[in-house]
């Protein structure tokens, strides 16, 4: 299991990638959005 700092680092990386202008392909954007959402849920559940 990854520790919180690794998960948070990955989450921040994906957030930055989604904001990049080069990430305009809708399929790639959707994939990253779903992955980012899943990471957010993991972080949220661990802090409930």
N, C-alpha and C. Protein backbone atom coordinates (compact mmCIF):
# COMPACT_ATOMS: atom_id res chain seq x y z
N UNK A 1 0.85 -1.19 0.00
CA UNK A 1 0.00 0.00 0.00
C UNK A 1 0.89 1.24 0.00
N UNK A 2 0.52 2.20 -0.80
CA UNK A 2 1.29 3.44 -0.86
C UNK A 2 0.96 4.32 0.34
N UNK A 3 1.93 5.09 0.75
CA UNK A 3 1.64 5.99 1.86
C UNK A 3 0.99 7.28 1.34
N UNK A 4 0.48 8.06 2.25
CA UNK A 4 -0.29 9.24 1.87
C UNK A 4 0.51 10.22 1.03
N UNK A 5 1.79 10.42 1.34
CA UNK A 5 2.59 11.38 0.59
C UNK A 5 2.75 10.96 -0.87
N UNK A 6 2.90 9.66 -1.14
CA UNK A 6 2.99 9.18 -2.52
C UNK A 6 1.69 9.41 -3.27
N UNK A 7 0.57 9.11 -2.63
CA UNK A 7 -0.74 9.30 -3.25
C UNK A 7 -0.99 10.78 -3.51
N UNK A 8 -0.68 11.61 -2.54
CA UNK A 8 -0.89 13.06 -2.70
C UNK A 8 -0.01 13.61 -3.82
N UNK A 9 1.23 13.14 -3.90
CA UNK A 9 2.15 13.58 -4.96
C UNK A 9 1.60 13.19 -6.33
N UNK A 10 1.09 11.97 -6.46
CA UNK A 10 0.51 11.51 -7.72
C UNK A 10 -0.72 12.34 -8.08
N UNK A 11 -1.55 12.64 -7.10
CA UNK A 11 -2.76 13.44 -7.29
C UNK A 11 -2.39 14.83 -7.81
N UNK A 12 -1.39 15.45 -7.20
CA UNK A 12 -0.97 16.78 -7.61
C UNK A 12 -0.38 16.75 -9.02
N UNK A 13 0.38 15.71 -9.33
CA UNK A 13 0.94 15.56 -10.67
C UNK A 13 -0.18 15.49 -11.72
N UNK A 14 -1.19 14.68 -11.45
CA UNK A 14 -2.30 14.55 -12.40
C UNK A 14 -3.07 15.85 -12.55
N UNK A 15 -3.25 16.57 -11.47
CA UNK A 15 -3.93 17.86 -11.52
C UNK A 15 -3.18 18.82 -12.44
N UNK A 16 -1.86 18.86 -12.30
CA UNK A 16 -1.04 19.72 -13.16
C UNK A 16 -1.11 19.27 -14.61
N UNK A 17 -1.07 17.96 -14.85
CA UNK A 17 -1.15 17.43 -16.21
C UNK A 17 -2.47 17.80 -16.88
N UNK A 18 -3.56 17.71 -16.13
CA UNK A 18 -4.87 18.05 -16.70
C UNK A 18 -4.96 19.52 -17.07
N UNK A 19 -4.27 20.38 -16.35
CA UNK A 19 -4.30 21.81 -16.61
C UNK A 19 -3.44 22.19 -17.82
N UNK A 20 -2.54 21.29 -18.24
CA UNK A 20 -1.65 21.56 -19.37
C UNK A 20 -2.43 21.68 -20.67
N UNK A 21 -2.09 22.66 -21.48
CA UNK A 21 -2.78 22.89 -22.75
C UNK A 21 -2.61 21.72 -23.72
N UNK A 22 -1.53 20.97 -23.62
CA UNK A 22 -1.28 19.86 -24.54
C UNK A 22 -2.20 18.67 -24.27
N UNK A 23 -2.86 18.66 -23.14
CA UNK A 23 -3.74 17.55 -22.77
C UNK A 23 -5.15 17.80 -23.31
N UNK A 24 -5.27 18.00 -24.61
CA UNK A 24 -6.56 18.37 -25.18
C UNK A 24 -7.34 17.18 -25.73
N UNK A 25 -6.71 16.04 -25.91
CA UNK A 25 -7.42 14.88 -26.44
C UNK A 25 -8.44 14.40 -25.41
N UNK A 26 -9.70 14.35 -25.80
CA UNK A 26 -10.79 14.08 -24.86
C UNK A 26 -10.67 12.72 -24.17
N UNK A 27 -10.24 11.68 -24.88
CA UNK A 27 -10.10 10.36 -24.26
C UNK A 27 -9.06 10.35 -23.16
N UNK A 28 -7.93 10.99 -23.42
CA UNK A 28 -6.85 11.06 -22.42
C UNK A 28 -7.32 11.90 -21.24
N UNK A 29 -7.98 13.00 -21.53
CA UNK A 29 -8.48 13.89 -20.48
C UNK A 29 -9.47 13.16 -19.58
N UNK A 30 -10.37 12.39 -20.19
CA UNK A 30 -11.36 11.63 -19.41
C UNK A 30 -10.67 10.60 -18.53
N UNK A 31 -9.68 9.89 -19.07
CA UNK A 31 -8.97 8.88 -18.30
C UNK A 31 -8.30 9.50 -17.07
N UNK A 32 -7.62 10.63 -17.27
CA UNK A 32 -6.96 11.29 -16.15
C UNK A 32 -7.98 11.81 -15.14
N UNK A 33 -9.11 12.29 -15.62
CA UNK A 33 -10.15 12.79 -14.72
C UNK A 33 -10.66 11.68 -13.82
N UNK A 34 -10.92 10.50 -14.40
CA UNK A 34 -11.40 9.37 -13.60
C UNK A 34 -10.35 8.91 -12.60
N UNK A 35 -9.09 8.88 -13.03
CA UNK A 35 -8.01 8.46 -12.14
C UNK A 35 -7.84 9.47 -11.00
N UNK A 36 -7.90 10.75 -11.33
CA UNK A 36 -7.79 11.81 -10.32
C UNK A 36 -8.93 11.71 -9.32
N UNK A 37 -10.13 11.46 -9.81
CA UNK A 37 -11.30 11.32 -8.94
C UNK A 37 -11.12 10.13 -8.00
N UNK A 38 -10.64 9.02 -8.53
CA UNK A 38 -10.43 7.82 -7.70
C UNK A 38 -9.40 8.09 -6.61
N UNK A 39 -8.32 8.77 -6.95
CA UNK A 39 -7.31 9.11 -5.94
C UNK A 39 -7.90 10.03 -4.87
N UNK A 40 -8.75 10.96 -5.29
CA UNK A 40 -9.40 11.86 -4.34
C UNK A 40 -10.27 11.09 -3.36
N UNK A 41 -11.00 10.09 -3.87
CA UNK A 41 -11.84 9.27 -3.00
C UNK A 41 -11.00 8.49 -2.00
N UNK A 42 -9.87 7.96 -2.44
CA UNK A 42 -8.99 7.21 -1.54
C UNK A 42 -8.50 8.12 -0.43
N UNK A 43 -8.04 9.32 -0.79
CA UNK A 43 -7.56 10.26 0.23
C UNK A 43 -8.66 10.66 1.18
N UNK A 44 -9.86 10.88 0.65
CA UNK A 44 -10.99 11.29 1.49
C UNK A 44 -11.40 10.19 2.46
N UNK A 45 -11.46 8.95 1.99
CA UNK A 45 -11.86 7.83 2.84
C UNK A 45 -10.87 7.60 3.97
N UNK A 46 -9.61 7.80 3.71
CA UNK A 46 -8.60 7.56 4.75
C UNK A 46 -8.65 8.62 5.84
N UNK A 47 -9.29 9.76 5.59
CA UNK A 47 -9.30 10.83 6.57
C UNK A 47 -10.69 11.02 7.19
N UNK A 48 -11.58 10.06 6.99
CA UNK A 48 -12.93 10.16 7.56
C UNK A 48 -12.94 9.63 8.97
